[in-house]
Amino acid sequence: MTSHTVQANVVRHDREHIVTGLTPNDPDAGVSPTPQSRPGRLGVGVVGAGRVGAVLGSALRAAGHAVVGVSAVSAASRERADVLLRGVPVLAVPDVVERAELVLLTVPDDVLPGLVEGLAEVGAWQPGQLVVHTSGRFGWRVLSPAVSAGAIPLALHPAMTFTGTSLDLARLVDCCFGVTAPNLVLPIAQALVVEMGAEPVVVAEEARPLYHAALAHGANHLVTVVAQALDLLRAAGVEPADRVLAPLLSAALDNALRSGDGALTGPVSRGDAGTVAAHLRELAALATGTGSGGDASAAGTLATYRAVARATADRAVASGRLKAEDAAALLSVLADQ
């Protein structure tokens, strides 16, 4: 796969005008057309009407592109397509690809390589067709079978969580997309993101797995920690648990984004081994069903607390917030029993 292959694909299909919405010789250059009347509008096919696909398809349609088909297997996907992509025909995947100038692949990461290869084997990809996937894990090279058939590869990963409802359309305005594409067509990828109201951030092909790991660790694992904290408050008889946590977590997140390790507070940052030991005793009692809550599922929370507290202590020492001698006592308390 070379840049010459991609360049030939671009030249064959002349997609460059998508970046501005106007060709250089367009008589209406300098005029602000409506999204629907702007030149360079594409027929979009959505493969996978999950939470992401239906929302991004709707965002592209709002930008003036025509959604010409969507694949939806489950009842939930069909309902989502009916709400967010009303009037768009639900079709088999090969039929969606056949109709579309831009194919939006919004399928699970593990499904993506096989889907792209399978469509290549049946000759579904078309020269000059824009093929976009939304996986955070992969860059554009996972689309190599489509590129070999003449397609133009773009990787656009929205760095946000989706509900699969119209609420997500407003949230796109504050969202960044991790964008990866061959240099020649990178402006097309960036322009599509801007059209959806979001901000493109270029991620190198080889950095995609690390980029995705960062997002998964920061967002997905955060959900687990928050859910465990809610469980503990409820076990302690504190309600409404979410109301108690919300201001604390919002401030902690805001401070961490602004100051990194400098935002750390609490017993670990102070080297308060006695307090941490008390926490561990209560969590252990809860895990074995002998504490006030009697919830055996707290064993997972105990393990999480130990692991995160160790990591917090290590970072506190490295940043100079915790003295090594204080950390030693703390890590002794945190050692597995």
C-alpha atoms as a PDB file:
ATOM      1  CA  MET A   1       0.000   0.000   0.000  1.00  0.00           C
ATOM      2  CA  THR A   2       1.592   3.307  -1.078  1.00  0.00           C
ATOM      3  CA  SER A   3       0.631   6.958  -1.110  1.00  0.00           C
ATOM      4  CA  HIS A   4       0.585   6.694  -4.920  1.00  0.00           C
ATOM      5  CA  THR A   5      -2.305   4.226  -4.669  1.00  0.00           C
ATOM      6  CA  VAL A   6      -4.337   6.611  -2.543  1.00  0.00           C
ATOM      7  CA  GLN A   7      -3.400   9.559  -4.767  1.00  0.00           C
ATOM      8  CA  ALA A   8      -4.654   7.701  -7.824  1.00  0.00           C
ATOM      9  CA  ASN A   9      -7.927   6.972  -6.046  1.00  0.00           C
ATOM     10  CA  VAL A  10      -8.413  10.644  -5.209  1.00  0.00           C
ATOM     11  CA  VAL A  11      -7.643  11.762  -8.743  1.00  0.00           C
ATOM     12  CA  ARG A  12     -10.072   9.215 -10.201  1.00  0.00           C
ATOM     13  CA  HIS A  13     -12.960  10.390  -8.093  1.00  0.00           C
ATOM     14  CA  ASP A  14     -12.042  14.086  -7.629  1.00  0.00           C
ATOM     15  CA  ARG A  15     -13.073  14.373  -3.998  1.00  0.00           C
ATOM     16  CA  GLU A  16     -10.864  17.307  -3.169  1.00  0.00           C
ATOM     17  CA  HIS A  17     -13.743  19.797  -3.336  1.00  0.00           C
ATOM     18  CA  ILE A  18     -15.320  18.148  -0.278  1.00  0.00           C
ATOM     19  CA  VAL A  19     -12.861  19.991   1.918  1.00  0.00           C
ATOM     20  CA  THR A  20     -14.409  23.392   1.198  1.00  0.00           C
ATOM     21  CA  GLY A  21     -17.748  22.396  -0.282  1.00  0.00           C
ATOM     22  CA  LEU A  22     -16.955  24.395  -3.430  1.00  0.00           C
ATOM     23  CA  THR A  23     -14.860  23.547  -6.452  1.00  0.00           C
ATOM     24  CA  PRO A  24     -12.246  26.165  -7.429  1.00  0.00           C
ATOM     25  CA  ASN A  25     -14.251  27.193 -10.512  1.00  0.00           C
ATOM     26  CA  ASP A  26     -17.653  27.124  -8.822  1.00  0.00           C
ATOM     27  CA  PRO A  27     -19.686  30.178  -9.932  1.00  0.00           C
ATOM     28  CA  ASP A  28     -21.082  30.450  -6.410  1.00  0.00           C
ATOM     29  CA  ALA A  29     -17.666  30.669  -4.742  1.00  0.00           C
ATOM     30  CA  GLY A  30     -17.848  33.335  -2.070  1.00  0.00           C
ATOM     31  CA  VAL A  31     -21.559  32.702  -1.481  1.00  0.00           C
ATOM     32  CA  SER A  32     -22.690  30.862   1.652  1.00  0.00           C
ATOM     33  CA  PRO A  33     -24.913  28.035   0.383  1.00  0.00           C
ATOM     34  CA  THR A  34     -27.277  26.015   2.536  1.00  0.00           C
ATOM     35  CA  PRO A  35     -25.954  22.596   3.597  1.00  0.00           C
ATOM     36  CA  GLN A  36     -28.277  20.807   1.185  1.00  0.00           C
ATOM     37  CA  SER A  37     -27.367  23.004  -1.806  1.00  0.00           C
ATOM     38  CA  ARG A  38     -23.621  23.043  -1.206  1.00  0.00           C
ATOM     39  CA  PRO A  39     -21.635  21.222  -3.893  1.00  0.00           C
ATOM     40  CA  GLY A  40     -19.739  18.148  -2.795  1.00  0.00           C
ATOM     41  CA  ARG A  41     -22.656  16.603  -0.902  1.00  0.00           C
ATOM     42  CA  LEU A  42     -22.328  12.836  -0.620  1.00  0.00           C
ATOM     43  CA  GLY A  43     -24.582   9.835  -0.526  1.00  0.00           C
ATOM     44  CA  VAL A  44     -23.818   8.258   2.866  1.00  0.00           C
ATOM     45  CA  GLY A  45     -24.343   4.608   3.732  1.00  0.00           C
ATOM     46  CA  VAL A  46     -24.312   3.624   7.415  1.00  0.00           C
ATOM     47  CA  VAL A  47     -23.209   0.083   8.212  1.00  0.00           C
ATOM     48  CA  GLY A  48     -24.344  -0.551  11.766  1.00  0.00           C
ATOM     49  CA  ALA A  49     -27.147   1.513  13.309  1.00  0.00           C
ATOM     50  CA  GLY A  50     -25.776   1.242  16.827  1.00  0.00           C
ATOM     51  CA  ARG A  51     -25.464   4.195  19.160  1.00  0.00           C
ATOM     52  CA  VAL A  52     -22.604   5.707  17.160  1.00  0.00           C
ATOM     53  CA  GLY A  53     -23.695   4.973  13.602  1.00  0.00           C
ATOM     54  CA  ALA A  54     -27.199   6.375  13.834  1.00  0.00           C
ATOM     55  CA  VAL A  55     -25.986   9.561  15.519  1.00  0.00           C
ATOM     56  CA  LEU A  56     -23.129  10.242  13.098  1.00  0.00           C
ATOM     57  CA  GLY A  57     -25.370   9.449  10.153  1.00  0.00           C
ATOM     58  CA  SER A  58     -27.851  11.995  11.481  1.00  0.00           C
ATOM     59  CA  ALA A  59     -25.056  14.556  11.948  1.00  0.00           C
ATOM     60  CA  LEU A  60     -23.854  14.076   8.376  1.00  0.00           C
ATOM     61  CA  ARG A  61     -27.409  14.431   7.116  1.00  0.00           C
ATOM     62  CA  ALA A  62     -27.749  17.682   9.087  1.00  0.00           C
ATOM     63  CA  ALA A  63     -24.605  18.881   7.282  1.00  0.00           C
ATOM     64  CA  GLY A  64     -26.403  18.390   3.969  1.00  0.00           C
ATOM     65  CA  HIS A  65     -25.285  14.904   2.963  1.00  0.00           C
ATOM     66  CA  ALA A  66     -27.938  12.386   1.940  1.00  0.00           C
ATOM     67  CA  VAL A  67     -28.093   9.139   3.906  1.00  0.00           C
ATOM     68  CA  VAL A  68     -28.988   6.602   1.237  1.00  0.00           C
ATOM     69  CA  GLY A  69     -29.115   3.421   3.279  1.00  0.00           C
ATOM     70  CA  VAL A  70     -28.519   1.892   6.688  1.00  0.00           C
ATOM     71  CA  SER A  71     -27.995  -1.647   7.919  1.00  0.00           C
ATOM     72  CA  ALA A  72     -29.800  -2.517  11.144  1.00  0.00           C
ATOM     73  CA  VAL A  73     -30.171  -6.058  12.456  1.00  0.00           C
ATOM     74  CA  SER A  74     -31.499  -5.878  15.996  1.00  0.00           C
ATOM     75  CA  ALA A  75     -34.843  -4.428  17.000  1.00  0.00           C
ATOM     76  CA  ALA A  76     -33.053  -1.699  18.960  1.00  0.00           C
ATOM     77  CA  SER A  77     -30.974  -0.761  15.900  1.00  0.00           C
ATOM     78  CA  ARG A  78     -34.028  -0.629  13.666  1.00  0.00           C
ATOM     79  CA  GLU A  79     -35.831   1.579  16.169  1.00  0.00           C
ATOM     80  CA  ARG A  80     -32.798   3.840  16.453  1.00  0.00           C
ATOM     81  CA  ALA A  81     -32.570   4.128  12.673  1.00  0.00           C
ATOM     82  CA  ASP A  82     -36.265   4.959  12.473  1.00  0.00           C
ATOM     83  CA  VAL A  83     -35.887   7.773  15.013  1.00  0.00           C
ATOM     84  CA  LEU A  84     -32.566   9.314  13.958  1.00  0.00           C
ATOM     85  CA  LEU A  85     -32.541   8.394  10.275  1.00  0.00           C
ATOM     86  CA  ARG A  86     -36.244   8.597   9.502  1.00  0.00           C
ATOM     87  CA  GLY A  87     -37.074   7.713   5.913  1.00  0.00           C
ATOM     88  CA  VAL A  88     -33.719   6.038   5.228  1.00  0.00           C
ATOM     89  CA  PRO A  89     -34.165   2.511   3.819  1.00  0.00           C
ATOM     90  CA  VAL A  90     -32.890  -0.371   5.936  1.00  0.00           C
ATOM     91  CA  LEU A  91     -30.818  -2.580   3.647  1.00  0.00           C
ATOM     92  CA  ALA A  92     -28.397  -5.485   3.665  1.00  0.00           C
ATOM     93  CA  VAL A  93     -24.769  -4.425   4.109  1.00  0.00           C
ATOM     94  CA  PRO A  94     -23.718  -5.049   0.466  1.00  0.00           C
ATOM     95  CA  ASP A  95     -26.655  -2.968  -0.749  1.00  0.00           C
ATOM     96  CA  VAL A  96     -25.714  -0.094   1.581  1.00  0.00           C
ATOM     97  CA  VAL A  97     -22.148  -0.156   0.245  1.00  0.00           C
ATOM     98  CA  GLU A  98     -23.326  -0.321  -3.368  1.00  0.00           C
ATOM     99  CA  ARG A  99     -25.465   2.809  -3.004  1.00  0.00           C
ATOM    100  CA  ALA A 100     -23.029   4.957  -1.044  1.00  0.00           C
ATOM    101  CA  GLU A 101     -20.310   7.388  -2.008  1.00  0.00           C
ATOM    102  CA  LEU A 102     -19.265   7.510   1.654  1.00  0.00           C
ATOM    103  CA  VAL A 103     -19.546   4.299   3.663  1.00  0.00           C
ATOM    104  CA  LEU A 104     -19.619   4.764   7.422  1.00  0.00           C
ATOM    105  CA  LEU A 105     -18.544   1.571   9.215  1.00  0.00           C
ATOM    106  CA  THR A 106     -19.672   1.712  12.851  1.00  0.00           C
ATOM    107  CA  VAL A 107     -19.173  -1.868  13.987  1.00  0.00           C
ATOM    108  CA  PRO A 108     -17.273  -3.386  16.951  1.00  0.00           C
ATOM    109  CA  ASP A 109     -13.475  -3.349  16.680  1.00  0.00           C
ATOM    110  CA  ASP A 110     -13.164  -7.106  16.450  1.00  0.00           C
ATOM    111  CA  VAL A 111     -15.692  -7.245  13.612  1.00  0.00           C
ATOM    112  CA  LEU A 112     -14.154  -4.495  11.483  1.00  0.00           C
ATOM    113  CA  PRO A 113     -11.200  -6.295   9.797  1.00  0.00           C
ATOM    114  CA  GLY A 114     -13.303  -9.272   8.744  1.00  0.00           C
ATOM    115  CA  LEU A 115     -16.103  -7.058   7.454  1.00  0.00           C
ATOM    116  CA  VAL A 116     -13.747  -4.986   5.297  1.00  0.00           C
ATOM    117  CA  GLU A 117     -12.054  -8.118   3.935  1.00  0.00           C
ATOM    118  CA  GLY A 118     -15.341  -9.882   3.304  1.00  0.00           C
ATOM    119  CA  LEU A 119     -16.751  -6.953   1.334  1.00  0.00           C
ATOM    120  CA  ALA A 120     -13.541  -6.840  -0.694  1.00  0.00           C
ATOM    121  CA  GLU A 121     -13.861 -10.536  -1.512  1.00  0.00           C
ATOM    122  CA  VAL A 122     -17.318 -10.019  -3.020  1.00  0.00           C
ATOM    123  CA  GLY A 123     -16.193  -6.945  -4.958  1.00  0.00           C
ATOM    124  CA  ALA A 124     -18.328  -4.500  -2.998  1.00  0.00           C
ATOM    125  CA  TRP A 125     -15.836  -1.636  -2.740  1.00  0.00           C
ATOM    126  CA  GLN A 126     -15.812   0.963  -5.504  1.00  0.00           C
ATOM    127  CA  PRO A 127     -13.010   3.158  -6.871  1.00  0.00           C
ATOM    128  CA  GLY A 128     -13.071   6.621  -5.308  1.00  0.00           C
ATOM    129  CA  GLN A 129     -15.506   5.589  -2.584  1.00  0.00           C
ATOM    130  CA  LEU A 130     -14.819   7.152   0.813  1.00  0.00           C
ATOM    131  CA  VAL A 131     -14.657   4.445   3.478  1.00  0.00           C
ATOM    132  CA  VAL A 132     -14.818   5.723   7.055  1.00  0.00           C
ATOM    133  CA  HIS A 133     -14.583   3.655  10.214  1.00  0.00           C
ATOM    134  CA  THR A 134     -15.097   4.884  13.782  1.00  0.00           C
ATOM    135  CA  SER A 135     -12.907   2.428  15.686  1.00  0.00           C
ATOM    136  CA  GLY A 136     -10.513   3.969  18.166  1.00  0.00           C
ATOM    137  CA  ARG A 137      -8.176   1.001  18.036  1.00  0.00           C
ATOM    138  CA  PHE A 138      -7.461   0.979  14.299  1.00  0.00           C
ATOM    139  CA  GLY A 139      -6.005   3.540  11.926  1.00  0.00           C
ATOM    140  CA  TRP A 140      -6.664   3.637   8.204  1.00  0.00           C
ATOM    141  CA  ARG A 141      -4.608   0.573   7.279  1.00  0.00           C
ATOM    142  CA  VAL A 142      -7.323  -1.784   8.521  1.00  0.00           C
ATOM    143  CA  LEU A 143      -9.157  -0.577   5.395  1.00  0.00           C
ATOM    144  CA  SER A 144      -6.360  -1.787   3.082  1.00  0.00           C
ATOM    145  CA  PRO A 145      -8.600  -4.343   1.286  1.00  0.00           C
ATOM    146  CA  ALA A 146     -10.927  -1.485   0.332  1.00  0.00           C
ATOM    147  CA  VAL A 147      -7.998   0.717  -0.726  1.00  0.00           C
ATOM    148  CA  SER A 148      -6.764  -2.072  -3.002  1.00  0.00           C
ATOM    149  CA  ALA A 149     -10.118  -1.837  -4.749  1.00  0.00           C
ATOM    150  CA  GLY A 150      -9.724   1.914  -5.216  1.00  0.00           C
ATOM    151  CA  ALA A 151     -11.444   3.267  -2.093  1.00  0.00           C
ATOM    152  CA  ILE A 152     -10.213   6.190   0.039  1.00  0.00           C
ATOM    153  CA  PRO A 153      -9.597   5.278   3.717  1.00  0.00           C
ATOM    154  CA  LEU A 154     -10.457   7.510   6.678  1.00  0.00           C
ATOM    155  CA  ALA A 155     -10.418   6.671  10.405  1.00  0.00           C
ATOM    156  CA  LEU A 156     -12.631   8.999  12.484  1.00  0.00           C
ATOM    157  CA  HIS A 157     -13.051   8.087  16.138  1.00  0.00           C
ATOM    158  CA  PRO A 158     -15.350  10.257  18.275  1.00  0.00           C
ATOM    159  CA  ALA A 159     -13.853  10.673  21.739  1.00  0.00           C
ATOM    160  CA  MET A 160     -17.147  10.632  23.586  1.00  0.00           C
ATOM    161  CA  THR A 161     -19.692   8.198  24.936  1.00  0.00           C
ATOM    162  CA  PHE A 162     -22.987   7.815  23.097  1.00  0.00           C
ATOM    163  CA  THR A 163     -26.544   7.265  24.244  1.00  0.00           C
ATOM    164  CA  GLY A 164     -27.802   6.638  20.716  1.00  0.00           C
ATOM    165  CA  THR A 165     -30.314   9.491  21.032  1.00  0.00           C
ATOM    166  CA  SER A 166     -30.652  13.015  19.688  1.00  0.00           C
ATOM    167  CA  LEU A 167     -28.913  14.268  22.851  1.00  0.00           C
ATOM    168  CA  ASP A 168     -25.634  13.128  21.314  1.00  0.00           C
ATOM    169  CA  LEU A 169     -25.984  15.536  18.395  1.00  0.00           C
ATOM    170  CA  ALA A 170     -25.592  18.512  20.725  1.00  0.00           C
ATOM    171  CA  ARG A 171     -22.674  16.852  22.527  1.00  0.00           C
ATOM    172  CA  LEU A 172     -20.760  16.493  19.265  1.00  0.00           C
ATOM    173  CA  VAL A 173     -20.130  20.241  19.386  1.00  0.00           C
ATOM    174  CA  ASP A 174     -17.822  19.763  22.383  1.00  0.00           C
ATOM    175  CA  CYS A 175     -16.312  16.528  21.075  1.00  0.00           C
ATOM    176  CA  CYS A 176     -12.920  15.745  19.533  1.00  0.00           C
ATOM    177  CA  PHE A 177     -12.406  13.079  16.878  1.00  0.00           C
ATOM    178  CA  GLY A 178      -9.188  11.106  16.585  1.00  0.00           C
ATOM    179  CA  VAL A 179      -8.447  11.409  12.861  1.00  0.00           C
ATOM    180  CA  THR A 180      -6.056   9.150  10.955  1.00  0.00           C
ATOM    181  CA  ALA A 181      -5.707   9.056   7.160  1.00  0.00           C
ATOM    182  CA  PRO A 182      -3.046   9.158   4.445  1.00  0.00           C
ATOM    183  CA  ASN A 183      -1.605  12.674   4.261  1.00  0.00           C
ATOM    184  CA  LEU A 184      -3.123  13.386   0.856  1.00  0.00           C
ATOM    185  CA  VAL A 185      -6.680  12.825   2.071  1.00  0.00           C
ATOM    186  CA  LEU A 186      -6.289  13.998   5.676  1.00  0.00           C
ATOM    187  CA  PRO A 187      -8.040  17.321   4.870  1.00  0.00           C
ATOM    188  CA  ILE A 188     -11.116  15.372   3.756  1.00  0.00           C
ATOM    189  CA  ALA A 189     -11.230  13.532   7.077  1.00  0.00           C
ATOM    190  CA  GLN A 190     -10.804  16.772   8.995  1.00  0.00           C
ATOM    191  CA  ALA A 191     -13.507  18.515   6.971  1.00  0.00           C
ATOM    192  CA  LEU A 192     -16.039  15.767   7.624  1.00  0.00           C
ATOM    193  CA  VAL A 193     -15.439  16.084  11.376  1.00  0.00           C
ATOM    194  CA  VAL A 194     -15.836  19.863  11.239  1.00  0.00           C
ATOM    195  CA  GLU A 195     -19.058  19.450   9.279  1.00  0.00           C
ATOM    196  CA  MET A 196     -20.442  17.348  12.130  1.00  0.00           C
ATOM    197  CA  GLY A 197     -19.655  20.203  14.512  1.00  0.00           C
ATOM    198  CA  ALA A 198     -16.693  18.540  16.215  1.00  0.00           C
ATOM    199  CA  GLU A 199     -12.935  19.148  16.372  1.00  0.00           C
ATOM    200  CA  PRO A 200     -10.471  16.918  14.491  1.00  0.00           C
ATOM    201  CA  VAL A 201      -7.283  15.844  16.295  1.00  0.00           C
ATOM    202  CA  VAL A 202      -4.719  14.033  14.162  1.00  0.00           C
ATOM    203  CA  VAL A 203      -3.485  10.706  15.572  1.00  0.00           C
ATOM    204  CA  ALA A 204      -0.586   8.864  13.915  1.00  0.00           C
ATOM    205  CA  GLU A 205      -1.355   5.423  12.521  1.00  0.00           C
ATOM    206  CA  GLU A 206       1.055   3.651  14.865  1.00  0.00           C
ATOM    207  CA  ALA A 207      -0.264   5.571  17.891  1.00  0.00           C
ATOM    208  CA  ARG A 208      -3.903   4.501  17.550  1.00  0.00           C
ATOM    209  CA  PRO A 209      -3.784   1.609  20.069  1.00  0.00           C
ATOM    210  CA  LEU A 210      -2.127   3.799  22.719  1.00  0.00           C
ATOM    211  CA  TYR A 211      -4.550   6.638  21.993  1.00  0.00           C
ATOM    212  CA  HIS A 212      -7.477   4.263  22.415  1.00  0.00           C
ATOM    213  CA  ALA A 213      -6.040   2.741  25.575  1.00  0.00           C
ATOM    214  CA  ALA A 214      -5.834   6.234  27.093  1.00  0.00           C
ATOM    215  CA  LEU A 215      -9.480   6.947  26.351  1.00  0.00           C
ATOM    216  CA  ALA A 216     -10.688   3.558  27.538  1.00  0.00           C
ATOM    217  CA  HIS A 217      -8.676   3.821  30.761  1.00  0.00           C
ATOM    218  CA  GLY A 218      -9.858   7.351  31.440  1.00  0.00           C
ATOM    219  CA  ALA A 219     -13.534   6.938  30.572  1.00  0.00           C
ATOM    220  CA  ASN A 220     -14.548   3.274  30.733  1.00  0.00           C
ATOM    221  CA  HIS A 221     -12.634   2.507  33.913  1.00  0.00           C
ATOM    222  CA  LEU A 222     -13.900   5.729  35.450  1.00  0.00           C
ATOM    223  CA  VAL A 223     -17.436   4.366  35.089  1.00  0.00           C
ATOM    224  CA  THR A 224     -16.429   1.260  37.063  1.00  0.00           C
ATOM    225  CA  VAL A 225     -14.839   3.261  39.885  1.00  0.00           C
ATOM    226  CA  VAL A 226     -17.825   5.604  40.112  1.00  0.00           C
ATOM    227  CA  ALA A 227     -20.300   2.694  40.129  1.00  0.00           C
ATOM    228  CA  GLN A 228     -18.343   1.041  42.930  1.00  0.00           C
ATOM    229  CA  ALA A 229     -18.311   4.279  44.928  1.00  0.00           C
ATOM    230  CA  LEU A 230     -22.093   4.543  44.516  1.00  0.00           C
ATOM    231  CA  ASP A 231     -22.483   0.969  45.762  1.00  0.00           C
ATOM    232  CA  LEU A 232     -20.396   1.742  48.853  1.00  0.00           C
ATOM    233  CA  LEU A 233     -22.403   4.834  49.720  1.00  0.00           C
ATOM    234  CA  ARG A 234     -25.644   2.889  49.429  1.00  0.00           C
ATOM    235  CA  ALA A 235     -24.208   0.103  51.575  1.00  0.00           C
ATOM    236  CA  ALA A 236     -23.464   2.793  54.153  1.00  0.00           C
ATOM    237  CA  GLY A 237     -27.085   3.922  53.982  1.00  0.00           C
ATOM    238  CA  VAL A 238     -26.255   7.222  52.287  1.00  0.00           C
ATOM    239  CA  GLU A 239     -28.876   8.425  49.806  1.00  0.00           C
ATOM    240  CA  PRO A 240     -29.108   9.933  47.295  1.00  0.00           C
ATOM    241  CA  ALA A 241     -25.670   8.541  46.559  1.00  0.00           C
ATOM    242  CA  ASP A 242     -25.372  10.202  43.170  1.00  0.00           C
ATOM    243  CA  ARG A 243     -26.208  13.620  44.632  1.00  0.00           C
ATOM    244  CA  VAL A 244     -23.489  13.231  47.247  1.00  0.00           C
ATOM    245  CA  LEU A 245     -20.837  12.185  44.724  1.00  0.00           C
ATOM    246  CA  ALA A 246     -21.661  14.531  41.842  1.00  0.00           C
ATOM    247  CA  PRO A 247     -20.060  17.779  43.080  1.00  0.00           C
ATOM    248  CA  LEU A 248     -16.993  15.950  44.406  1.00  0.00           C
ATOM    249  CA  LEU A 249     -16.399  14.012  41.203  1.00  0.00           C
ATOM    250  CA  SER A 250     -17.052  17.014  38.964  1.00  0.00           C
ATOM    251  CA  ALA A 251     -14.509  19.103  40.865  1.00  0.00           C
ATOM    252  CA  ALA A 252     -11.973  16.258  40.950  1.00  0.00           C
ATOM    253  CA  LEU A 253     -12.257  15.702  37.198  1.00  0.00           C
ATOM    254  CA  ASP A 254     -12.001  19.394  36.405  1.00  0.00           C
ATOM    255  CA  ASN A 255      -8.978  19.818  38.685  1.00  0.00           C
ATOM    256  CA  ALA A 256      -7.260  16.706  37.287  1.00  0.00           C
ATOM    257  CA  LEU A 257      -7.691  17.903  33.705  1.00  0.00           C
ATOM    258  CA  ARG A 258      -6.260  21.282  34.652  1.00  0.00           C
ATOM    259  CA  SER A 259      -3.463  20.220  37.004  1.00  0.00           C
ATOM    260  CA  GLY A 260      -2.772  16.514  36.498  1.00  0.00           C
ATOM    261  CA  ASP A 261      -1.111  14.966  39.564  1.00  0.00           C
ATOM    262  CA  GLY A 262      -1.166  18.389  41.197  1.00  0.00           C
ATOM    263  CA  ALA A 263      -4.905  17.958  41.785  1.00  0.00           C
ATOM    264  CA  LEU A 264      -4.436  14.936  44.059  1.00  0.00           C
ATOM    265  CA  THR A 265      -5.922  15.150  47.552  1.00  0.00           C
ATOM    266  CA  GLY A 266      -6.989  12.607  50.159  1.00  0.00           C
ATOM    267  CA  PRO A 267      -5.361  10.083  52.502  1.00  0.00           C
ATOM    268  CA  VAL A 268      -3.003   8.511  49.944  1.00  0.00           C
ATOM    269  CA  SER A 269      -1.540  11.887  48.952  1.00  0.00           C
ATOM    270  CA  ARG A 270      -0.968  12.654  52.670  1.00  0.00           C
ATOM    271  CA  GLY A 271       0.552   9.255  53.442  1.00  0.00           C
ATOM    272  CA  ASP A 272      -2.236   8.583  55.937  1.00  0.00           C
ATOM    273  CA  ALA A 273      -1.714   4.836  56.280  1.00  0.00           C
ATOM    274  CA  GLY A 274      -4.064   4.556  59.245  1.00  0.00           C
ATOM    275  CA  THR A 275      -7.033   5.906  57.296  1.00  0.00           C
ATOM    276  CA  VAL A 276      -6.288   3.679  54.317  1.00  0.00           C
ATOM    277  CA  ALA A 277      -6.050   0.663  56.640  1.00  0.00           C
ATOM    278  CA  ALA A 278      -9.472   1.519  58.068  1.00  0.00           C
ATOM    279  CA  HIS A 279     -10.898   1.704  54.554  1.00  0.00           C
ATOM    280  CA  LEU A 280      -9.465  -1.700  53.695  1.00  0.00           C
ATOM    281  CA  ARG A 281     -10.858  -3.297  56.851  1.00  0.00           C
ATOM    282  CA  GLU A 282     -14.349  -2.042  56.104  1.00  0.00           C
ATOM    283  CA  LEU A 283     -14.175  -3.095  52.453  1.00  0.00           C
ATOM    284  CA  ALA A 284     -12.933  -6.554  53.448  1.00  0.00           C
ATOM    285  CA  ALA A 285     -15.777  -6.918  55.943  1.00  0.00           C
ATOM    286  CA  LEU A 286     -18.275  -5.826  53.315  1.00  0.00           C
ATOM    287  CA  ALA A 287     -16.824  -8.298  50.813  1.00  0.00           C
ATOM    288  CA  THR A 288     -17.255 -11.225  53.214  1.00  0.00           C
ATOM    289  CA  GLY A 289     -20.751 -10.205  54.198  1.00  0.00           C
ATOM    290  CA  THR A 290     -19.893  -9.338  57.797  1.00  0.00           C
ATOM    291  CA  GLY A 291     -19.966  -5.550  57.505  1.00  0.00           C
ATOM    292  CA  SER A 292     -22.872  -3.138  57.737  1.00  0.00           C
ATOM    293  CA  GLY A 293     -23.874  -3.714  54.132  1.00  0.00           C
ATOM    294  CA  GLY A 294     -23.300  -7.445  53.799  1.00  0.00           C
ATOM    295  CA  ASP A 295     -22.527  -7.245  50.079  1.00  0.00           C
ATOM    296  CA  ALA A 296     -20.219 -10.034  48.881  1.00  0.00           C
ATOM    297  CA  SER A 297     -19.854  -8.343  45.472  1.00  0.00           C
ATOM    298  CA  ALA A 298     -17.625  -5.767  47.202  1.00  0.00           C
ATOM    299  CA  ALA A 299     -14.659  -8.129  46.723  1.00  0.00           C
ATOM    300  CA  GLY A 300     -14.127  -6.511  43.341  1.00  0.00           C
ATOM    301  CA  THR A 301     -14.250  -3.071  44.908  1.00  0.00           C
ATOM    302  CA  LEU A 302     -11.623  -4.077  47.467  1.00  0.00           C
ATOM    303  CA  ALA A 303      -9.282  -5.229  44.710  1.00  0.00           C
ATOM    304  CA  THR A 304      -9.895  -2.045  42.734  1.00  0.00           C
ATOM    305  CA  TYR A 305      -9.250   0.136  45.786  1.00  0.00           C
ATOM    306  CA  ARG A 306      -5.911  -1.585  46.458  1.00  0.00           C
ATOM    307  CA  ALA A 307      -4.748  -1.345  42.844  1.00  0.00           C
ATOM    308  CA  VAL A 308      -5.755   2.281  42.336  1.00  0.00           C
ATOM    309  CA  ALA A 309      -4.391   3.350  45.732  1.00  0.00           C
ATOM    310  CA  ARG A 310      -1.013   1.761  44.891  1.00  0.00           C
ATOM    311  CA  ALA A 311      -0.926   3.552  41.553  1.00  0.00           C
ATOM    312  CA  THR A 312      -1.917   6.801  43.272  1.00  0.00           C
ATOM    313  CA  ALA A 313       0.863   6.400  45.826  1.00  0.00           C
ATOM    314  CA  ASP A 314       3.429   5.725  43.107  1.00  0.00           C
ATOM    315  CA  ARG A 315       2.419   8.850  41.214  1.00  0.00           C
ATOM    316  CA  ALA A 316       2.354  10.906  44.417  1.00  0.00           C
ATOM    317  CA  VAL A 317       5.950   9.883  45.150  1.00  0.00           C
ATOM    318  CA  ALA A 318       7.069  10.541  41.577  1.00  0.00           C
ATOM    319  CA  SER A 319       5.506  14.011  41.624  1.00  0.00           C
ATOM    320  CA  GLY A 320       7.056  14.865  44.984  1.00  0.00           C
ATOM    321  CA  ARG A 321       3.744  15.116  46.821  1.00  0.00           C
ATOM    322  CA  LEU A 322       4.479  12.098  49.030  1.00  0.00           C
ATOM    323  CA  LYS A 323       7.769  11.363  50.823  1.00  0.00           C
ATOM    324  CA  ALA A 324       9.307   7.960  50.178  1.00  0.00           C
ATOM    325  CA  GLU A 325       9.272   7.053  53.903  1.00  0.00           C
ATOM    326  CA  ASP A 326       5.548   7.840  54.152  1.00  0.00           C
ATOM    327  CA  ALA A 327       4.891   5.867  51.007  1.00  0.00           C
ATOM    328  CA  ALA A 328       6.631   2.797  52.441  1.00  0.00           C
ATOM    329  CA  ALA A 329       4.157   2.561  55.342  1.00  0.00           C
ATOM    330  CA  LEU A 330       1.261   3.147  52.978  1.00  0.00           C
ATOM    331  CA  LEU A 331       2.354   0.489  50.490  1.00  0.00           C
ATOM    332  CA  SER A 332       2.831  -1.968  53.354  1.00  0.00           C
ATOM    333  CA  VAL A 333      -0.819  -1.466  54.320  1.00  0.00           C
ATOM    334  CA  LEU A 334      -1.894  -1.871  50.695  1.00  0.00           C
ATOM    335  CA  ALA A 335       0.017  -5.141  50.190  1.00  0.00           C
ATOM    336  CA  ASP A 336      -2.234  -8.124  49.471  1.00  0.00           C
ATOM    337  CA  GLN A 337      -3.055 -10.052  52.620  1.00  0.00           C
END
